[in-house]
Amino acid sequence: MQQVRKGDNTAFRTLYDRYKAQMFIYCLRMVGDRDAAKDVLQEVFIRVHTHRDRYEPGTNFVGWVHTIARNLCLNARRDSKDQTSFDETASYGVSTNTPDPDIALRERLAGEIGKLPEIYREVLILREYEGHSYQEIVNITGLAMSTVKFRIFKARETLRERLAWGLDEL
């Protein structure tokens, strides 16, 4: 990123190539629509480039990019009138005709995650799907550590309760 700050476009391309897939999946999970996720991803890297001077050397680059992506995803979700459910994004590439109980459970889980209030869904995605530490989530969201921990706890608890009711169906 320090090379990007100096105007090195090859370094920017390297960063883009390294993080585009990870950021696309994050955006897709957050906004729930493939085209919207592509648009947000493009805007993320436009902002990385245009605001490269705002990056503090030595800080967590991935956290900085996630913060940009998070804000753009939240804006996109607010602006979107027709939101695709989370279950469509989470089961991407999985055949729904397969009677595999693991697939059915994953689809059910994805559907329930999609029904979570956004404040719980966001931190759960950052933790469980993106693999961020609690501290990284604090840095990305700007929330207090206790708030992050509570929201993740509440999201997991809600999912456990919701999934417990429908396990016999699988």
N, C-alpha and C. Protein backbone atom coordinates (compact mmCIF):
# COMPACT_ATOMS: atom_id res chain seq x y z
N MET A 1 0.82 -1.19 0.00
CA MET A 1 0.00 0.00 0.00
C MET A 1 0.87 1.26 0.00
N GLN A 2 2.04 1.14 0.59
CA GLN A 2 2.93 2.31 0.58
C GLN A 2 3.36 2.66 -0.84
N GLN A 3 3.51 1.65 -1.68
CA GLN A 3 3.84 1.91 -3.08
C GLN A 3 2.66 2.55 -3.81
N VAL A 4 1.47 2.13 -3.48
CA VAL A 4 0.26 2.72 -4.06
C VAL A 4 0.17 4.19 -3.67
N ARG A 5 0.50 4.47 -2.43
CA ARG A 5 0.47 5.87 -1.97
C ARG A 5 1.43 6.75 -2.78
N LYS A 6 2.48 6.14 -3.28
CA LYS A 6 3.45 6.88 -4.09
C LYS A 6 3.02 6.98 -5.56
N GLY A 7 1.86 6.37 -5.90
CA GLY A 7 1.36 6.44 -7.26
C GLY A 7 1.72 5.27 -8.15
N ASP A 8 2.20 4.18 -7.56
CA ASP A 8 2.59 2.99 -8.32
C ASP A 8 1.34 2.20 -8.72
N ASN A 9 0.97 2.27 -9.99
CA ASN A 9 -0.23 1.57 -10.47
C ASN A 9 -0.06 0.06 -10.52
N THR A 10 1.16 -0.41 -10.69
CA THR A 10 1.41 -1.86 -10.66
C THR A 10 1.14 -2.40 -9.26
N ALA A 11 1.54 -1.67 -8.24
CA ALA A 11 1.28 -2.07 -6.86
C ALA A 11 -0.22 -2.07 -6.59
N PHE A 12 -0.93 -1.08 -7.14
CA PHE A 12 -2.39 -1.04 -6.96
C PHE A 12 -3.03 -2.26 -7.61
N ARG A 13 -2.58 -2.62 -8.80
CA ARG A 13 -3.13 -3.79 -9.48
C ARG A 13 -2.86 -5.06 -8.67
N THR A 14 -1.70 -5.13 -8.05
CA THR A 14 -1.36 -6.28 -7.21
C THR A 14 -2.32 -6.37 -6.01
N LEU A 15 -2.57 -5.24 -5.37
CA LEU A 15 -3.53 -5.21 -4.25
C LEU A 15 -4.92 -5.62 -4.72
N TYR A 16 -5.32 -5.07 -5.84
CA TYR A 16 -6.64 -5.39 -6.39
C TYR A 16 -6.75 -6.88 -6.66
N ASP A 17 -5.78 -7.45 -7.34
CA ASP A 17 -5.81 -8.88 -7.66
C ASP A 17 -5.81 -9.74 -6.40
N ARG A 18 -5.10 -9.30 -5.38
CA ARG A 18 -4.99 -10.08 -4.15
C ARG A 18 -6.30 -10.06 -3.34
N TYR A 19 -7.01 -8.94 -3.32
CA TYR A 19 -8.15 -8.79 -2.42
C TYR A 19 -9.51 -8.73 -3.10
N LYS A 20 -9.58 -8.72 -4.42
CA LYS A 20 -10.87 -8.55 -5.10
C LYS A 20 -11.84 -9.69 -4.80
N ALA A 21 -11.39 -10.93 -4.80
CA ALA A 21 -12.30 -12.06 -4.55
C ALA A 21 -12.85 -12.01 -3.13
N GLN A 22 -11.97 -11.79 -2.17
CA GLN A 22 -12.39 -11.71 -0.76
C GLN A 22 -13.39 -10.58 -0.56
N MET A 23 -13.11 -9.44 -1.15
CA MET A 23 -13.99 -8.29 -0.98
C MET A 23 -15.31 -8.48 -1.73
N PHE A 24 -15.26 -9.16 -2.88
CA PHE A 24 -16.50 -9.42 -3.62
C PHE A 24 -17.42 -10.31 -2.81
N ILE A 25 -16.89 -11.38 -2.23
CA ILE A 25 -17.71 -12.29 -1.41
C ILE A 25 -18.32 -11.53 -0.24
N TYR A 26 -17.51 -10.70 0.40
CA TYR A 26 -18.03 -9.89 1.51
C TYR A 26 -19.16 -8.99 1.03
N CYS A 27 -18.95 -8.29 -0.06
CA CYS A 27 -19.97 -7.38 -0.59
C CYS A 27 -21.23 -8.15 -0.99
N LEU A 28 -21.04 -9.30 -1.60
CA LEU A 28 -22.18 -10.12 -2.01
C LEU A 28 -23.00 -10.57 -0.80
N ARG A 29 -22.32 -10.98 0.25
CA ARG A 29 -23.04 -11.38 1.46
C ARG A 29 -23.75 -10.21 2.12
N MET A 30 -23.15 -9.04 2.02
CA MET A 30 -23.75 -7.86 2.66
C MET A 30 -24.92 -7.28 1.87
N VAL A 31 -24.79 -7.20 0.55
CA VAL A 31 -25.86 -6.56 -0.23
C VAL A 31 -26.83 -7.56 -0.83
N GLY A 32 -26.42 -8.82 -0.98
CA GLY A 32 -27.33 -9.86 -1.41
C GLY A 32 -27.65 -9.87 -2.89
N ASP A 33 -26.95 -9.11 -3.69
CA ASP A 33 -27.22 -9.06 -5.13
C ASP A 33 -25.89 -9.01 -5.87
N ARG A 34 -25.73 -9.89 -6.84
CA ARG A 34 -24.47 -10.02 -7.56
C ARG A 34 -24.07 -8.73 -8.27
N ASP A 35 -25.00 -8.13 -9.00
CA ASP A 35 -24.68 -6.91 -9.73
C ASP A 35 -24.36 -5.75 -8.78
N ALA A 36 -25.14 -5.65 -7.73
CA ALA A 36 -24.88 -4.60 -6.74
C ALA A 36 -23.53 -4.82 -6.07
N ALA A 37 -23.19 -6.08 -5.79
CA ALA A 37 -21.90 -6.39 -5.18
C ALA A 37 -20.75 -6.01 -6.11
N LYS A 38 -20.91 -6.25 -7.40
CA LYS A 38 -19.88 -5.86 -8.37
C LYS A 38 -19.71 -4.34 -8.39
N ASP A 39 -20.83 -3.64 -8.34
CA ASP A 39 -20.77 -2.17 -8.33
C ASP A 39 -20.07 -1.66 -7.07
N VAL A 40 -20.43 -2.26 -5.94
CA VAL A 40 -19.81 -1.84 -4.68
C VAL A 40 -18.32 -2.16 -4.70
N LEU A 41 -17.97 -3.34 -5.19
CA LEU A 41 -16.56 -3.73 -5.27
C LEU A 41 -15.76 -2.73 -6.10
N GLN A 42 -16.32 -2.34 -7.23
CA GLN A 42 -15.64 -1.36 -8.08
C GLN A 42 -15.45 -0.05 -7.33
N GLU A 43 -16.49 0.38 -6.64
CA GLU A 43 -16.40 1.64 -5.88
C GLU A 43 -15.40 1.53 -4.73
N VAL A 44 -15.30 0.35 -4.11
CA VAL A 44 -14.34 0.14 -3.03
C VAL A 44 -12.93 0.44 -3.53
N PHE A 45 -12.57 -0.15 -4.66
CA PHE A 45 -11.21 0.02 -5.15
C PHE A 45 -10.97 1.39 -5.77
N ILE A 46 -12.03 2.01 -6.25
CA ILE A 46 -11.89 3.40 -6.69
C ILE A 46 -11.54 4.27 -5.48
N ARG A 47 -12.22 4.02 -4.38
CA ARG A 47 -11.94 4.80 -3.16
C ARG A 47 -10.57 4.48 -2.57
N VAL A 48 -10.17 3.22 -2.64
CA VAL A 48 -8.83 2.87 -2.16
C VAL A 48 -7.80 3.69 -2.94
N HIS A 49 -8.00 3.78 -4.23
CA HIS A 49 -7.04 4.52 -5.06
C HIS A 49 -7.13 6.02 -4.82
N THR A 50 -8.34 6.56 -4.82
CA THR A 50 -8.47 8.02 -4.70
C THR A 50 -8.16 8.53 -3.29
N HIS A 51 -8.34 7.67 -2.29
CA HIS A 51 -8.07 8.08 -0.91
C HIS A 51 -6.82 7.39 -0.36
N ARG A 52 -5.92 7.01 -1.25
CA ARG A 52 -4.71 6.30 -0.82
C ARG A 52 -3.89 7.09 0.18
N ASP A 53 -3.97 8.40 0.12
CA ASP A 53 -3.22 9.24 1.06
C ASP A 53 -3.80 9.19 2.47
N ARG A 54 -5.02 8.70 2.61
CA ARG A 54 -5.65 8.59 3.93
C ARG A 54 -5.25 7.31 4.67
N TYR A 55 -4.68 6.36 3.94
CA TYR A 55 -4.23 5.13 4.58
C TYR A 55 -3.03 5.43 5.46
N GLU A 56 -3.10 4.97 6.69
CA GLU A 56 -2.00 5.17 7.64
C GLU A 56 -1.03 4.00 7.53
N PRO A 57 0.19 4.24 7.08
CA PRO A 57 1.16 3.15 6.97
C PRO A 57 1.33 2.43 8.32
N GLY A 58 1.41 1.12 8.23
CA GLY A 58 1.57 0.32 9.43
C GLY A 58 0.26 -0.16 10.02
N THR A 59 -0.87 0.38 9.55
CA THR A 59 -2.16 -0.10 10.04
C THR A 59 -2.62 -1.28 9.20
N ASN A 60 -3.64 -1.94 9.66
CA ASN A 60 -4.17 -3.14 9.01
C ASN A 60 -4.87 -2.76 7.70
N PHE A 61 -4.25 -3.09 6.58
CA PHE A 61 -4.82 -2.75 5.28
C PHE A 61 -6.16 -3.43 5.07
N VAL A 62 -6.26 -4.70 5.41
CA VAL A 62 -7.51 -5.44 5.20
C VAL A 62 -8.64 -4.80 6.01
N GLY A 63 -8.35 -4.41 7.22
CA GLY A 63 -9.36 -3.73 8.04
C GLY A 63 -9.78 -2.41 7.42
N TRP A 64 -8.83 -1.67 6.88
CA TRP A 64 -9.13 -0.38 6.24
C TRP A 64 -10.03 -0.59 5.02
N VAL A 65 -9.71 -1.58 4.20
CA VAL A 65 -10.52 -1.86 3.01
C VAL A 65 -11.91 -2.35 3.41
N HIS A 66 -11.97 -3.20 4.45
CA HIS A 66 -13.28 -3.68 4.91
C HIS A 66 -14.14 -2.52 5.43
N THR A 67 -13.52 -1.55 6.06
CA THR A 67 -14.28 -0.39 6.54
C THR A 67 -14.88 0.36 5.36
N ILE A 68 -14.11 0.54 4.32
CA ILE A 68 -14.62 1.20 3.11
C ILE A 68 -15.76 0.38 2.52
N ALA A 69 -15.54 -0.93 2.39
CA ALA A 69 -16.55 -1.82 1.81
C ALA A 69 -17.81 -1.85 2.66
N ARG A 70 -17.64 -1.89 3.96
CA ARG A 70 -18.78 -1.92 4.87
C ARG A 70 -19.65 -0.70 4.66
N ASN A 71 -19.04 0.46 4.66
CA ASN A 71 -19.81 1.69 4.50
C ASN A 71 -20.53 1.73 3.15
N LEU A 72 -19.86 1.30 2.10
CA LEU A 72 -20.50 1.29 0.79
C LEU A 72 -21.61 0.25 0.70
N CYS A 73 -21.41 -0.89 1.35
CA CYS A 73 -22.47 -1.92 1.37
C CYS A 73 -23.69 -1.43 2.13
N LEU A 74 -23.47 -0.79 3.26
CA LEU A 74 -24.60 -0.26 4.02
C LEU A 74 -25.35 0.79 3.21
N ASN A 75 -24.63 1.63 2.50
CA ASN A 75 -25.27 2.62 1.63
C ASN A 75 -26.07 1.94 0.52
N ALA A 76 -25.48 0.91 -0.07
CA ALA A 76 -26.16 0.20 -1.16
C ALA A 76 -27.43 -0.48 -0.66
N ARG A 77 -27.36 -1.06 0.53
CA ARG A 77 -28.55 -1.71 1.10
C ARG A 77 -29.64 -0.69 1.40
N ARG A 78 -29.25 0.47 1.90
CA ARG A 78 -30.22 1.52 2.16
C ARG A 78 -30.87 2.02 0.87
N ASP A 79 -30.06 2.12 -0.17
CA ASP A 79 -30.55 2.64 -1.44
C ASP A 79 -31.38 1.61 -2.21
N SER A 80 -31.18 0.35 -1.90
CA SER A 80 -31.87 -0.72 -2.63
C SER A 80 -33.29 -0.89 -2.11
N LYS A 81 -34.22 -0.88 -3.02
CA LYS A 81 -35.62 -1.11 -2.64
C LYS A 81 -35.98 -2.58 -2.73
N ASP A 82 -35.30 -3.30 -3.62
CA ASP A 82 -35.56 -4.72 -3.84
C ASP A 82 -34.34 -5.50 -3.40
N GLN A 83 -34.37 -6.00 -2.16
CA GLN A 83 -33.21 -6.70 -1.63
C GLN A 83 -33.35 -8.20 -1.83
N THR A 84 -32.32 -8.81 -2.38
CA THR A 84 -32.27 -10.25 -2.53
C THR A 84 -31.93 -10.86 -1.18
N SER A 85 -32.53 -11.99 -0.88
CA SER A 85 -32.27 -12.60 0.41
C SER A 85 -30.87 -13.17 0.49
N PHE A 86 -30.36 -13.26 1.70
CA PHE A 86 -29.01 -13.77 1.94
C PHE A 86 -28.87 -15.20 1.47
N ASP A 87 -29.94 -15.99 1.57
CA ASP A 87 -29.84 -17.40 1.21
C ASP A 87 -29.50 -17.59 -0.26
N GLU A 88 -29.86 -16.66 -1.14
CA GLU A 88 -29.50 -16.78 -2.53
C GLU A 88 -28.00 -16.58 -2.72
N THR A 89 -27.39 -15.75 -1.93
CA THR A 89 -25.95 -15.50 -2.08
C THR A 89 -25.14 -16.59 -1.40
N ALA A 90 -25.59 -17.09 -0.29
CA ALA A 90 -24.80 -18.06 0.46
C ALA A 90 -24.78 -19.43 -0.22
N SER A 91 -25.83 -19.76 -0.96
CA SER A 91 -25.87 -21.07 -1.59
C SER A 91 -25.43 -21.01 -3.04
N TYR A 92 -24.80 -19.90 -3.44
CA TYR A 92 -24.34 -19.74 -4.82
C TYR A 92 -23.46 -20.91 -5.22
N GLY A 93 -23.78 -21.50 -6.33
CA GLY A 93 -22.97 -22.59 -6.85
C GLY A 93 -23.35 -23.95 -6.30
N VAL A 94 -24.35 -24.04 -5.43
CA VAL A 94 -24.76 -25.30 -4.85
C VAL A 94 -26.08 -25.71 -5.49
N SER A 95 -26.14 -26.92 -5.99
CA SER A 95 -27.36 -27.41 -6.61
C SER A 95 -28.43 -27.60 -5.57
N THR A 96 -29.61 -27.06 -5.81
CA THR A 96 -30.70 -27.20 -4.84
C THR A 96 -31.48 -28.48 -5.07
N ASN A 97 -31.16 -29.24 -6.12
CA ASN A 97 -31.86 -30.48 -6.40
C ASN A 97 -31.27 -31.66 -5.62
N THR A 98 -30.16 -31.47 -4.97
CA THR A 98 -29.49 -32.52 -4.23
C THR A 98 -30.15 -32.69 -2.87
N PRO A 99 -30.52 -33.92 -2.51
CA PRO A 99 -31.17 -34.13 -1.22
C PRO A 99 -30.20 -34.21 -0.05
N ASP A 100 -28.97 -33.77 -0.21
CA ASP A 100 -27.94 -33.82 0.82
C ASP A 100 -28.38 -32.99 2.03
N PRO A 101 -28.44 -33.60 3.24
CA PRO A 101 -28.87 -32.86 4.43
C PRO A 101 -27.93 -31.71 4.79
N ASP A 102 -26.63 -31.85 4.48
CA ASP A 102 -25.70 -30.76 4.75
C ASP A 102 -26.04 -29.53 3.91
N ILE A 103 -26.39 -29.75 2.66
CA ILE A 103 -26.76 -28.64 1.79
C ILE A 103 -28.05 -28.01 2.28
N ALA A 104 -29.01 -28.84 2.65
CA ALA A 104 -30.28 -28.32 3.16
C ALA A 104 -30.05 -27.50 4.43
N LEU A 105 -29.18 -27.97 5.30
CA LEU A 105 -28.89 -27.23 6.53
C LEU A 105 -28.19 -25.91 6.22
N ARG A 106 -27.22 -25.95 5.28
CA ARG A 106 -26.54 -24.70 4.89
C ARG A 106 -27.52 -23.70 4.31
N GLU A 107 -28.43 -24.18 3.47
CA GLU A 107 -29.42 -23.29 2.88
C GLU A 107 -30.35 -22.73 3.95
N ARG A 108 -30.74 -23.56 4.89
CA ARG A 108 -31.60 -23.10 5.98
C ARG A 108 -30.87 -22.07 6.83
N LEU A 109 -29.60 -22.34 7.14
CA LEU A 109 -28.79 -21.41 7.91
C LEU A 109 -28.66 -20.08 7.17
N ALA A 110 -28.36 -20.14 5.88
CA ALA A 110 -28.23 -18.92 5.10
C ALA A 110 -29.53 -18.13 5.10
N GLY A 111 -30.64 -18.83 4.99
CA GLY A 111 -31.94 -18.15 5.02
C GLY A 111 -32.18 -17.46 6.35
N GLU A 112 -31.81 -18.13 7.44
CA GLU A 112 -32.01 -17.54 8.76
C GLU A 112 -31.05 -16.37 9.00
N ILE A 113 -29.83 -16.47 8.48
CA ILE A 113 -28.90 -15.34 8.60
C ILE A 113 -29.47 -14.14 7.87
N GLY A 114 -30.06 -14.39 6.71
CA GLY A 114 -30.68 -13.31 5.95
C GLY A 114 -31.82 -12.63 6.68
N LYS A 115 -32.45 -13.34 7.59
CA LYS A 115 -33.57 -12.77 8.36
C LYS A 115 -33.12 -12.02 9.61
N LEU A 116 -31.84 -12.17 9.97
CA LEU A 116 -31.34 -11.46 11.16
C LEU A 116 -31.40 -9.95 10.93
N PRO A 117 -31.62 -9.19 11.99
CA PRO A 117 -31.50 -7.73 11.84
C PRO A 117 -30.09 -7.39 11.36
N GLU A 118 -29.97 -6.37 10.57
CA GLU A 118 -28.69 -6.03 9.95
C GLU A 118 -27.57 -5.84 10.97
N ILE A 119 -27.88 -5.30 12.14
CA ILE A 119 -26.83 -5.07 13.14
C ILE A 119 -26.20 -6.38 13.60
N TYR A 120 -26.97 -7.46 13.63
CA TYR A 120 -26.44 -8.77 14.02
C TYR A 120 -25.81 -9.48 12.82
N ARG A 121 -26.46 -9.39 11.67
CA ARG A 121 -25.98 -10.06 10.46
C ARG A 121 -24.58 -9.56 10.09
N GLU A 122 -24.38 -8.26 10.14
CA GLU A 122 -23.10 -7.68 9.73
C GLU A 122 -21.92 -8.23 10.53
N VAL A 123 -22.01 -8.20 11.86
CA VAL A 123 -20.89 -8.68 12.68
C VAL A 123 -20.71 -10.18 12.57
N LEU A 124 -21.82 -10.91 12.39
CA LEU A 124 -21.72 -12.35 12.22
C LEU A 124 -21.00 -12.70 10.92
N ILE A 125 -21.30 -12.00 9.84
CA ILE A 125 -20.62 -12.23 8.56
C ILE A 125 -19.14 -11.92 8.70
N LEU A 126 -18.83 -10.79 9.34
CA LEU A 126 -17.42 -10.44 9.51
C LEU A 126 -16.68 -11.49 10.33
N ARG A 127 -17.32 -12.04 11.33
CA ARG A 127 -16.66 -13.02 12.21
C ARG A 127 -16.62 -14.41 11.59
N GLU A 128 -17.79 -14.92 11.20
CA GLU A 128 -17.89 -16.32 10.79
C GLU A 128 -17.52 -16.56 9.33
N TYR A 129 -17.84 -15.66 8.46
CA TYR A 129 -17.56 -15.86 7.04
C TYR A 129 -16.25 -15.21 6.60
N GLU A 130 -15.94 -14.06 7.17
CA GLU A 130 -14.72 -13.36 6.79
C GLU A 130 -13.54 -13.71 7.70
N GLY A 131 -13.83 -14.27 8.88
CA GLY A 131 -12.78 -14.73 9.77
C GLY A 131 -12.04 -13.64 10.53
N HIS A 132 -12.68 -12.49 10.69
CA HIS A 132 -12.03 -11.39 11.41
C HIS A 132 -12.07 -11.61 12.91
N SER A 133 -11.06 -11.13 13.59
CA SER A 133 -11.03 -11.18 15.05
C SER A 133 -12.01 -10.14 15.59
N TYR A 134 -12.30 -10.23 16.85
CA TYR A 134 -13.19 -9.24 17.46
C TYR A 134 -12.59 -7.84 17.34
N GLN A 135 -11.29 -7.74 17.55
CA GLN A 135 -10.64 -6.42 17.46
C GLN A 135 -10.73 -5.86 16.05
N GLU A 136 -10.56 -6.71 15.06
CA GLU A 136 -10.68 -6.25 13.68
C GLU A 136 -12.11 -5.78 13.38
N ILE A 137 -13.08 -6.47 13.93
CA ILE A 137 -14.48 -6.07 13.73
C ILE A 137 -14.73 -4.72 14.40
N VAL A 138 -14.16 -4.52 15.57
CA VAL A 138 -14.24 -3.22 16.25
C VAL A 138 -13.66 -2.13 15.35
N ASN A 139 -12.50 -2.40 14.77
CA ASN A 139 -11.85 -1.42 13.90
C ASN A 139 -12.66 -1.15 12.64
N ILE A 140 -13.25 -2.18 12.07
CA ILE A 140 -14.02 -2.03 10.83
C ILE A 140 -15.32 -1.28 11.08
N THR A 141 -16.03 -1.65 12.14
CA THR A 141 -17.36 -1.08 12.38
C THR A 141 -17.35 0.18 13.22
N GLY A 142 -16.30 0.36 14.01
CA GLY A 142 -16.28 1.52 14.91
C GLY A 142 -17.11 1.31 16.16
N LEU A 143 -17.56 0.09 16.39
CA LEU A 143 -18.36 -0.23 17.57
C LEU A 143 -17.44 -0.54 18.76
N ALA A 144 -18.01 -0.48 19.94
CA ALA A 144 -17.27 -0.87 21.14
C ALA A 144 -17.11 -2.38 21.15
N MET A 145 -16.04 -2.87 21.78
CA MET A 145 -15.79 -4.31 21.86
C MET A 145 -16.97 -5.03 22.50
N SER A 146 -17.52 -4.48 23.56
CA SER A 146 -18.66 -5.12 24.23
C SER A 146 -19.86 -5.22 23.30
N THR A 147 -20.07 -4.22 22.46
CA THR A 147 -21.18 -4.24 21.51
C THR A 147 -20.98 -5.33 20.47
N VAL A 148 -19.76 -5.43 19.96
CA VAL A 148 -19.45 -6.46 18.96
C VAL A 148 -19.68 -7.85 19.56
N LYS A 149 -19.16 -8.08 20.76
CA LYS A 149 -19.33 -9.39 21.40
C LYS A 149 -20.79 -9.70 21.65
N PHE A 150 -21.55 -8.71 22.12
CA PHE A 150 -22.97 -8.93 22.38
C PHE A 150 -23.72 -9.25 21.09
N ARG A 151 -23.44 -8.50 20.04
CA ARG A 151 -24.17 -8.73 18.78
C ARG A 151 -23.86 -10.09 18.18
N ILE A 152 -22.61 -10.53 18.27
CA ILE A 152 -22.27 -11.86 17.77
C ILE A 152 -22.95 -12.92 18.62
N PHE A 153 -22.92 -12.74 19.93
CA PHE A 153 -23.61 -13.67 20.83
C PHE A 153 -25.09 -13.74 20.49
N LYS A 154 -25.71 -12.57 20.35
CA LYS A 154 -27.15 -12.51 20.09
C LYS A 154 -27.48 -13.14 18.73
N ALA A 155 -26.65 -12.91 17.72
CA ALA A 155 -26.87 -13.50 16.40
C ALA A 155 -26.80 -15.02 16.48
N ARG A 156 -25.79 -15.54 17.16
CA ARG A 156 -25.64 -16.99 17.29
C ARG A 156 -26.80 -17.60 18.07
N GLU A 157 -27.17 -16.93 19.15
CA GLU A 157 -28.28 -17.42 19.97
C GLU A 157 -29.58 -17.45 19.16
N THR A 158 -29.83 -16.41 18.41
CA THR A 158 -31.04 -16.33 17.59
C THR A 158 -31.03 -17.44 16.54
N LEU A 159 -29.90 -17.65 15.92
CA LEU A 159 -29.80 -18.72 14.91
C LEU A 159 -30.01 -20.09 15.53
N ARG A 160 -29.42 -20.32 16.70
CA ARG A 160 -29.61 -21.61 17.38
C ARG A 160 -31.09 -21.86 17.64
N GLU A 161 -31.77 -20.85 18.15
CA GLU A 161 -33.20 -21.00 18.45
C GLU A 161 -34.00 -21.25 17.18
N ARG A 162 -33.75 -20.49 16.15
CA ARG A 162 -34.51 -20.63 14.90
C ARG A 162 -34.24 -21.97 14.23
N LEU A 163 -33.00 -22.41 14.25
CA LEU A 163 -32.66 -23.67 13.59
C LEU A 163 -33.14 -24.87 14.39
N ALA A 164 -33.22 -24.76 15.69
CA ALA A 164 -33.67 -25.87 16.52
C ALA A 164 -35.10 -26.27 16.19
N TRP A 165 -35.90 -25.31 15.78
CA TRP A 165 -37.31 -25.59 15.44
C TRP A 165 -37.45 -26.38 14.17
N GLY A 166 -36.54 -26.25 13.23
CA GLY A 166 -36.72 -26.87 11.93
C GLY A 166 -35.79 -28.02 11.60
N LEU A 167 -35.03 -28.52 12.56
CA LEU A 167 -34.09 -29.58 12.25
C LEU A 167 -34.76 -30.89 11.89
N ASP A 168 -35.97 -31.15 12.40
CA ASP A 168 -36.68 -32.38 12.07
C ASP A 168 -37.06 -32.44 10.59
N GLU A 169 -37.23 -31.26 9.97
CA GLU A 169 -37.61 -31.19 8.56
C GLU A 169 -36.47 -31.64 7.66
N LEU A 170 -35.24 -31.51 8.11
CA LEU A 170 -34.08 -31.84 7.28
C LEU A 170 -33.85 -33.33 7.37
